[in-house]
N, C-alpha and C. Protein backbone atom coordinates (compact mmCIF):
# COMPACT_ATOMS: atom_id res chain seq x y z
N LEU A 1 -1.10 -1.68 26.43
CA LEU A 1 -1.80 -2.79 26.89
C LEU A 1 -0.82 -4.09 26.74
N ALA A 2 -0.07 -4.12 25.63
CA ALA A 2 0.53 -5.42 25.65
C ALA A 2 2.06 -5.44 26.01
N GLY A 3 2.47 -4.17 26.39
CA GLY A 3 3.77 -3.95 27.08
C GLY A 3 4.80 -4.29 25.91
N ARG A 4 5.93 -4.83 26.25
CA ARG A 4 7.04 -5.07 25.45
C ARG A 4 6.78 -6.00 24.25
N ALA A 5 5.64 -6.90 24.50
CA ALA A 5 5.53 -7.79 23.41
C ALA A 5 4.80 -6.95 22.42
N GLY A 6 3.94 -6.04 22.55
CA GLY A 6 3.29 -5.09 21.66
C GLY A 6 4.51 -4.36 20.78
N ILE A 7 5.43 -3.82 21.46
CA ILE A 7 6.48 -3.32 20.67
C ILE A 7 7.00 -4.45 19.71
N ILE A 8 7.38 -5.04 19.83
CA ILE A 8 7.98 -6.27 19.19
C ILE A 8 6.94 -6.88 18.30
N ILE A 9 5.87 -7.26 18.47
CA ILE A 9 4.93 -7.47 17.54
C ILE A 9 4.76 -6.26 16.40
N PHE A 10 4.55 -5.13 16.84
CA PHE A 10 4.34 -4.01 16.10
C PHE A 10 5.80 -3.86 15.04
N SER A 11 6.81 -3.95 15.71
CA SER A 11 8.14 -3.88 14.90
C SER A 11 8.10 -4.99 13.71
N LEU A 12 7.98 -5.98 14.28
CA LEU A 12 7.98 -7.17 13.13
C LEU A 12 6.82 -6.98 12.07
N GLY A 13 5.78 -6.58 12.41
CA GLY A 13 4.79 -6.20 11.44
C GLY A 13 5.25 -5.17 10.55
N LEU A 14 6.02 -4.10 11.06
CA LEU A 14 6.27 -3.12 10.21
C LEU A 14 7.55 -3.49 9.32
N ILE A 15 8.22 -4.29 9.82
CA ILE A 15 9.26 -5.07 8.88
C ILE A 15 8.93 -5.86 7.78
N ALA A 16 8.04 -6.63 8.14
CA ALA A 16 7.19 -7.45 7.33
C ALA A 16 6.38 -6.76 6.33
N ALA A 17 5.81 -5.50 6.56
CA ALA A 17 5.17 -4.75 5.58
C ALA A 17 6.16 -4.09 4.66
N GLY A 18 7.48 -3.64 5.08
CA GLY A 18 8.34 -3.34 4.26
C GLY A 18 8.87 -3.87 3.43
N PHE A 19 9.07 -5.51 3.94
CA PHE A 19 9.62 -6.34 2.88
C PHE A 19 8.29 -6.52 1.66
N LEU A 20 7.18 -6.67 2.03
CA LEU A 20 6.36 -6.93 1.18
C LEU A 20 6.01 -5.81 0.10
N ALA A 21 6.21 -4.47 0.77
CA ALA A 21 6.09 -3.36 -0.20
C ALA A 21 7.00 -3.12 -1.08
N ALA A 22 8.39 -3.44 -0.64
CA ALA A 22 9.65 -3.61 -1.68
C ALA A 22 9.43 -4.58 -2.66
N VAL A 23 9.10 -5.83 -2.44
CA VAL A 23 8.73 -6.69 -3.34
C VAL A 23 7.47 -6.29 -4.48
N THR A 24 6.60 -5.86 -3.70
CA THR A 24 5.20 -5.55 -4.63
C THR A 24 5.72 -4.56 -5.48
N ILE A 25 6.16 -3.25 -5.03
CA ILE A 25 6.30 -2.02 -5.76
C ILE A 25 7.47 -2.60 -7.03
N SER A 26 8.32 -3.13 -6.88
CA SER A 26 9.34 -3.48 -7.92
C SER A 26 8.72 -4.49 -8.91
N LEU A 27 7.99 -5.42 -8.51
CA LEU A 27 7.49 -6.42 -9.20
C LEU A 27 6.27 -5.60 -10.29
N ALA A 28 5.43 -4.82 -9.44
CA ALA A 28 4.41 -3.96 -10.24
C ALA A 28 5.18 -3.11 -11.33
N SER A 29 6.16 -2.35 -10.88
CA SER A 29 6.64 -1.63 -11.98
C SER A 29 7.22 -2.48 -13.14
N ALA A 30 7.88 -3.65 -12.88
CA ALA A 30 8.45 -4.65 -13.83
C ALA A 30 7.29 -5.10 -14.70
N TYR A 31 6.18 -5.32 -14.09
CA TYR A 31 5.15 -5.73 -14.97
C TYR A 31 4.49 -4.73 -15.76
N GLY A 32 4.49 -3.51 -15.21
CA GLY A 32 4.01 -2.28 -15.99
C GLY A 32 4.83 -1.98 -17.06
N ILE A 33 6.25 -2.01 -17.00
CA ILE A 33 7.08 -1.82 -18.13
C ILE A 33 6.91 -2.86 -19.02
N SER A 34 6.72 -4.10 -18.76
CA SER A 34 6.85 -5.19 -19.54
C SER A 34 5.59 -5.24 -20.60
N GLU A 35 4.56 -4.95 -19.95
CA GLU A 35 3.23 -4.79 -20.55
C GLU A 35 3.40 -3.61 -21.60
N TYR A 36 3.98 -2.43 -21.11
CA TYR A 36 4.05 -1.50 -22.09
C TYR A 36 4.92 -1.87 -23.43
N PHE A 37 5.81 -2.49 -23.13
CA PHE A 37 6.70 -2.82 -24.41
C PHE A 37 6.16 -4.20 -25.04
N GLY A 38 5.10 -4.68 -24.33
CA GLY A 38 4.49 -6.02 -25.29
C GLY A 38 5.27 -7.17 -24.69
N TRP A 39 6.24 -7.21 -23.73
CA TRP A 39 6.87 -8.16 -23.25
C TRP A 39 6.24 -9.32 -22.44
N LYS A 40 6.41 -10.65 -22.51
CA LYS A 40 5.63 -11.24 -21.68
C LYS A 40 6.17 -11.25 -20.35
N ALA A 41 5.39 -11.05 -19.34
CA ALA A 41 5.57 -10.82 -17.94
C ALA A 41 5.04 -11.62 -17.08
N SER A 42 6.07 -12.57 -16.69
CA SER A 42 5.35 -13.51 -15.45
C SER A 42 6.59 -14.04 -14.59
N LEU A 43 6.26 -14.63 -13.57
CA LEU A 43 7.38 -15.07 -12.67
C LEU A 43 7.63 -16.67 -12.77
N ASN A 44 6.95 -17.12 -13.88
CA ASN A 44 6.94 -18.53 -14.05
C ASN A 44 7.86 -18.83 -15.29
N HIS A 45 8.51 -17.79 -15.76
CA HIS A 45 9.54 -17.98 -16.73
C HIS A 45 10.78 -18.82 -16.33
N LYS A 46 11.33 -19.65 -17.24
CA LYS A 46 12.36 -20.21 -16.81
C LYS A 46 13.52 -19.58 -17.19
N LYS A 47 13.63 -18.95 -18.23
CA LYS A 47 14.67 -18.11 -18.73
C LYS A 47 15.01 -16.86 -18.18
N LEU A 48 16.10 -16.67 -17.44
CA LEU A 48 16.51 -15.66 -16.61
C LEU A 48 16.73 -14.40 -17.35
N LEU A 49 17.10 -14.42 -18.76
CA LEU A 49 17.37 -13.17 -19.35
C LEU A 49 15.87 -12.56 -19.98
N ASN A 50 14.92 -13.24 -19.50
CA ASN A 50 13.85 -12.78 -20.00
C ASN A 50 13.53 -11.05 -19.65
N PRO A 51 13.14 -10.19 -20.46
CA PRO A 51 13.35 -8.60 -19.96
C PRO A 51 12.37 -8.38 -18.76
N PHE A 52 11.49 -9.19 -18.38
CA PHE A 52 10.75 -8.94 -17.02
C PHE A 52 11.60 -9.22 -16.03
N TYR A 53 12.39 -10.34 -15.94
CA TYR A 53 13.49 -10.26 -14.92
C TYR A 53 14.59 -9.47 -14.87
N VAL A 54 14.96 -8.96 -16.04
CA VAL A 54 15.99 -7.96 -16.25
C VAL A 54 15.71 -6.58 -15.49
N ILE A 55 14.43 -6.26 -15.87
CA ILE A 55 13.72 -5.08 -15.38
C ILE A 55 13.72 -5.13 -13.87
N TYR A 56 13.32 -6.35 -13.23
CA TYR A 56 13.12 -6.45 -11.82
C TYR A 56 14.45 -6.38 -11.30
N PHE A 57 15.59 -7.07 -11.85
CA PHE A 57 16.64 -6.94 -11.15
C PHE A 57 17.43 -5.62 -11.25
N VAL A 58 17.30 -4.93 -12.50
CA VAL A 58 17.58 -3.52 -12.53
C VAL A 58 17.15 -2.60 -11.40
N GLU A 59 15.92 -2.94 -10.97
CA GLU A 59 15.30 -1.97 -9.93
C GLU A 59 15.58 -2.35 -8.54
N VAL A 60 16.08 -3.68 -8.31
CA VAL A 60 16.34 -4.12 -6.87
C VAL A 60 17.72 -3.95 -6.73
N ILE A 61 18.70 -3.90 -7.68
CA ILE A 61 20.09 -3.86 -7.43
C ILE A 61 20.79 -2.54 -6.76
N PRO A 62 20.11 -1.57 -7.38
CA PRO A 62 20.50 -0.11 -6.79
C PRO A 62 20.09 -0.07 -5.18
N ALA A 63 18.81 -0.55 -5.03
CA ALA A 63 18.54 -0.48 -3.58
C ALA A 63 19.16 -1.21 -2.68
N VAL A 64 19.61 -2.45 -3.16
CA VAL A 64 20.59 -3.61 -2.31
C VAL A 64 21.87 -2.63 -2.20
N VAL A 65 22.56 -2.19 -3.27
CA VAL A 65 23.80 -1.33 -3.21
C VAL A 65 23.85 -0.23 -2.17
N ILE A 66 22.55 0.85 -2.20
CA ILE A 66 22.54 1.67 -1.17
C ILE A 66 22.33 1.23 0.17
N ILE A 67 21.69 0.16 0.53
CA ILE A 67 21.45 -0.25 1.82
C ILE A 67 22.94 -0.89 2.28
N ALA A 68 23.59 -1.55 1.26
CA ALA A 68 24.94 -2.05 1.68
C ALA A 68 25.93 -0.96 2.02
N ALA A 69 25.92 0.18 1.20
CA ALA A 69 26.78 1.21 1.10
C ALA A 69 26.85 2.31 2.27
N PHE A 70 25.45 2.62 2.79
CA PHE A 70 25.27 3.68 3.39
C PHE A 70 24.93 2.71 4.95
N ARG A 71 25.56 3.59 5.76
CA ARG A 71 25.28 3.28 7.19
C ARG A 71 23.74 3.70 7.84
N GLN A 72 23.52 4.79 7.36
CA GLN A 72 22.07 5.47 7.66
C GLN A 72 21.32 5.63 6.44
N VAL A 73 20.12 4.82 6.41
CA VAL A 73 19.27 4.74 5.23
C VAL A 73 18.01 5.66 5.41
N VAL A 74 17.69 6.03 6.73
CA VAL A 74 16.54 7.00 6.97
C VAL A 74 16.75 8.40 6.29
N PRO A 75 17.80 8.96 6.41
CA PRO A 75 18.17 10.25 5.83
C PRO A 75 18.19 10.16 4.32
N ILE A 76 18.51 9.06 3.68
CA ILE A 76 18.55 8.98 2.13
C ILE A 76 17.04 8.72 1.92
N MET A 77 16.18 8.05 2.74
CA MET A 77 14.87 7.91 2.35
C MET A 77 14.19 9.28 2.26
N ILE A 78 14.50 10.06 3.40
CA ILE A 78 13.89 11.50 3.45
C ILE A 78 14.30 12.33 2.30
N ASP A 79 15.48 12.47 1.80
CA ASP A 79 16.11 13.13 0.69
C ASP A 79 15.21 12.47 -0.64
N ALA A 80 15.14 11.06 -0.56
CA ALA A 80 14.36 10.83 -1.76
C ALA A 80 12.95 11.38 -1.80
N MET A 81 12.13 11.32 -0.68
CA MET A 81 10.77 11.98 -0.49
C MET A 81 10.95 13.36 -0.85
N ALA A 82 12.00 14.16 -0.41
CA ALA A 82 11.81 15.44 -0.86
C ALA A 82 12.13 15.69 -2.36
N LEU A 83 12.96 14.93 -2.97
CA LEU A 83 13.13 14.97 -4.22
C LEU A 83 11.81 14.47 -5.07
N ASN A 84 11.22 13.46 -4.45
CA ASN A 84 9.70 13.11 -5.10
C ASN A 84 8.76 14.33 -5.22
N GLY A 85 9.01 15.19 -4.14
CA GLY A 85 8.00 16.21 -3.94
C GLY A 85 8.19 17.21 -5.11
N LEU A 86 9.62 17.47 -5.64
CA LEU A 86 9.82 18.30 -6.50
C LEU A 86 9.34 17.55 -7.97
N VAL A 87 9.39 16.31 -8.10
CA VAL A 87 9.21 15.63 -9.32
C VAL A 87 7.70 15.46 -9.51
N LEU A 88 7.01 15.50 -8.51
CA LEU A 88 5.55 15.55 -8.31
C LEU A 88 4.80 16.73 -9.10
N VAL A 89 5.52 17.74 -9.08
CA VAL A 89 5.01 19.16 -9.66
C VAL A 89 4.89 18.85 -11.18
N PHE A 90 5.44 18.13 -11.88
CA PHE A 90 5.28 18.01 -13.35
C PHE A 90 4.00 17.13 -13.69
N PRO A 91 3.62 16.09 -13.01
CA PRO A 91 2.60 15.42 -13.63
C PRO A 91 1.25 16.23 -13.01
N LEU A 92 1.41 17.00 -11.75
CA LEU A 92 0.39 17.90 -11.32
C LEU A 92 -0.07 18.86 -12.13
N THR A 93 1.00 19.53 -12.83
CA THR A 93 0.88 20.63 -13.69
C THR A 93 0.17 20.14 -14.98
N LEU A 94 0.55 19.06 -15.48
CA LEU A 94 -0.16 18.31 -16.55
C LEU A 94 -1.52 18.08 -16.35
N LEU A 95 -2.02 17.61 -15.22
CA LEU A 95 -3.38 17.13 -14.70
C LEU A 95 -4.16 18.50 -14.56
N ILE A 96 -3.46 19.48 -14.19
CA ILE A 96 -4.17 20.66 -13.97
C ILE A 96 -4.66 21.24 -15.32
N LYS A 97 -3.58 21.30 -16.16
CA LYS A 97 -3.84 21.76 -17.51
C LYS A 97 -5.00 21.03 -18.16
N LEU A 98 -4.86 19.54 -18.19
CA LEU A 98 -5.77 18.89 -18.74
C LEU A 98 -7.43 18.92 -18.24
N SER A 99 -7.44 19.01 -16.79
CA SER A 99 -8.81 19.33 -16.12
C SER A 99 -9.42 20.72 -16.48
N GLY A 100 -8.47 21.73 -17.25
CA GLY A 100 -9.27 22.90 -17.51
C GLY A 100 -9.44 22.78 -19.08
N ASP A 101 -9.00 21.68 -19.85
CA ASP A 101 -9.07 21.74 -21.21
C ASP A 101 -10.57 21.35 -21.84
N GLU A 102 -11.15 21.99 -22.37
CA GLU A 102 -12.39 21.55 -22.76
C GLU A 102 -12.40 20.62 -23.91
N LYS A 103 -11.37 20.54 -24.87
CA LYS A 103 -11.23 19.44 -25.74
C LYS A 103 -11.16 18.11 -25.29
N VAL A 104 -10.53 17.93 -24.17
CA VAL A 104 -10.11 16.79 -23.46
C VAL A 104 -11.30 16.30 -22.63
N LEU A 105 -12.06 17.27 -21.84
CA LEU A 105 -13.15 16.88 -20.84
C LEU A 105 -14.71 17.12 -21.34
N GLY A 106 -14.50 18.41 -22.31
CA GLY A 106 -15.89 18.61 -22.71
C GLY A 106 -16.53 19.62 -21.51
N SER A 107 -17.65 19.22 -21.28
CA SER A 107 -18.51 20.07 -20.39
C SER A 107 -18.20 19.56 -18.75
N TYR A 108 -17.38 18.65 -18.70
CA TYR A 108 -16.56 18.41 -17.36
C TYR A 108 -15.47 19.08 -17.05
N LYS A 109 -14.92 20.11 -17.90
CA LYS A 109 -13.81 20.59 -17.38
C LYS A 109 -14.07 21.46 -16.34
N ASN A 110 -12.87 21.83 -15.40
CA ASN A 110 -12.78 22.80 -14.36
C ASN A 110 -13.29 24.00 -14.67
N GLY A 111 -13.84 24.72 -13.91
CA GLY A 111 -14.18 26.16 -14.17
C GLY A 111 -13.22 27.13 -13.65
N LYS A 112 -13.30 28.17 -13.89
CA LYS A 112 -12.10 29.08 -13.67
C LYS A 112 -11.58 29.04 -12.18
N LYS A 113 -12.79 29.20 -11.32
CA LYS A 113 -12.31 28.99 -9.83
C LYS A 113 -11.63 27.75 -9.43
N ARG A 114 -12.17 26.71 -9.89
CA ARG A 114 -11.47 25.63 -9.73
C ARG A 114 -10.09 25.49 -10.28
N GLN A 115 -9.79 26.18 -11.36
CA GLN A 115 -8.50 26.12 -12.07
C GLN A 115 -7.55 27.00 -11.07
N ILE A 116 -8.04 28.19 -10.85
CA ILE A 116 -7.17 28.95 -9.98
C ILE A 116 -6.99 28.38 -8.67
N ALA A 117 -7.97 27.63 -8.06
CA ALA A 117 -7.55 26.96 -6.80
C ALA A 117 -6.61 25.80 -7.00
N ALA A 118 -6.67 25.07 -8.13
CA ALA A 118 -5.64 23.92 -8.35
C ALA A 118 -4.41 24.51 -8.73
N TRP A 119 -4.26 25.80 -9.39
CA TRP A 119 -2.96 26.27 -9.54
C TRP A 119 -2.37 26.94 -8.30
N ALA A 120 -3.25 27.39 -7.25
CA ALA A 120 -2.81 27.80 -6.17
C ALA A 120 -2.28 26.61 -5.17
N MET A 121 -2.94 25.64 -5.33
CA MET A 121 -2.46 24.41 -4.56
C MET A 121 -1.10 23.91 -5.04
N ALA A 122 -1.14 23.76 -6.50
CA ALA A 122 0.43 23.46 -6.89
C ALA A 122 1.31 24.27 -6.76
N ILE A 123 1.06 25.63 -6.43
CA ILE A 123 2.04 26.77 -6.13
C ILE A 123 2.60 26.28 -4.59
N ILE A 124 1.41 26.05 -3.88
CA ILE A 124 1.97 25.87 -2.44
C ILE A 124 2.36 24.31 -2.28
N ILE A 125 2.11 23.44 -3.08
CA ILE A 125 2.80 22.12 -2.98
C ILE A 125 4.30 22.33 -3.59
N LEU A 126 4.57 23.14 -4.53
CA LEU A 126 5.90 23.39 -5.25
C LEU A 126 6.62 24.30 -4.16
N SER A 127 6.12 25.06 -3.34
CA SER A 127 6.84 25.84 -2.58
C SER A 127 7.29 25.11 -1.31
N PHE A 128 6.38 24.14 -0.75
CA PHE A 128 6.78 23.14 0.24
C PHE A 128 7.92 22.25 -0.10
N ALA A 129 7.80 21.65 -1.35
CA ALA A 129 8.76 20.74 -1.95
C ALA A 129 10.20 21.27 -2.04
N VAL A 130 10.12 22.54 -2.60
CA VAL A 130 11.26 23.25 -2.77
C VAL A 130 11.93 23.45 -1.25
N PHE A 131 11.19 23.81 -0.28
CA PHE A 131 11.66 24.14 1.11
C PHE A 131 12.17 22.78 1.48
N SER A 132 11.47 21.76 1.55
CA SER A 132 12.02 20.47 2.02
C SER A 132 13.18 19.94 1.37
N PHE A 133 13.21 20.02 0.19
CA PHE A 133 14.25 19.61 -0.69
C PHE A 133 15.82 20.55 -0.24
N VAL A 134 15.55 21.81 -0.04
CA VAL A 134 16.77 22.62 0.26
C VAL A 134 17.04 21.99 1.71
N ILE A 135 15.93 21.86 2.83
CA ILE A 135 16.44 21.67 4.15
C ILE A 135 17.11 20.32 3.78
N SER A 136 16.76 19.33 3.14
CA SER A 136 17.01 17.97 3.15
C SER A 136 18.49 17.97 2.69
N ILE A 137 18.73 18.66 1.48
CA ILE A 137 20.11 18.89 0.89
C ILE A 137 21.12 19.34 1.75
N SER A 138 20.62 20.51 2.38
CA SER A 138 21.61 21.25 3.53
C SER A 138 21.87 20.11 4.58
N ARG A 139 21.00 19.62 5.03
CA ARG A 139 21.22 18.76 6.14
C ARG A 139 22.24 17.55 5.54
N THR A 140 22.01 17.03 4.29
CA THR A 140 22.87 15.98 3.77
C THR A 140 24.21 16.67 3.80
N LEU A 141 24.35 17.64 3.10
CA LEU A 141 25.77 18.35 2.82
C LEU A 141 26.61 18.55 4.23
N LEU A 142 25.67 19.05 5.30
CA LEU A 142 26.45 19.27 6.50
C LEU A 142 26.95 17.97 7.08
N SER A 143 26.25 16.88 6.73
CA SER A 143 26.48 15.74 7.57
C SER A 143 27.15 14.56 6.54
N TYR A 144 27.70 15.02 5.45
CA TYR A 144 28.08 14.23 4.36
C TYR A 144 28.80 13.02 4.88
N GLY A 145 29.96 13.11 5.80
CA GLY A 145 30.61 12.06 6.15
C GLY A 145 30.16 10.93 6.83
N THR A 146 28.93 11.39 7.69
CA THR A 146 28.43 10.60 8.47
C THR A 146 27.62 9.36 7.86
N TYR A 147 27.37 9.40 6.38
CA TYR A 147 26.34 8.63 5.61
C TYR A 147 27.25 7.25 5.46
N PHE A 148 28.40 7.39 5.09
CA PHE A 148 29.26 6.31 4.82
C PHE A 148 29.76 5.37 5.91
N LEU A 149 30.12 4.04 5.27
CA LEU A 149 30.53 3.30 6.32
C LEU A 149 31.96 3.63 6.93
């Protein structure tokens, strides 16, 4: 309906959302880590060596280096998502074990059928994660030289 202007507006919206997400995610994790350790977490601090700022910069600097060092960022993001799928299995198994533990959940624990279904889903997720990771890494290794400047 909007033609070329619609494409431009949509593209600008995606770029703005990406910048917003980058700032939001890194600040949220810096807040979370600071809260965990009991450090004062605020953007209103005047002191730059506040642990909150240090955590934030430690999170942001690798992203800037990756963007500056590599020509193609999308394959790197795909590789990171494939790796994330593998890492996801660890908290998933913990949650499945907890959901079947009567000491933790009492009468609300999963029954045998739900536990079997949960483990089956975990195995399916793990197999897809391994498959996508292998494909991603093999693609990366085959085109290794094209990532760098």
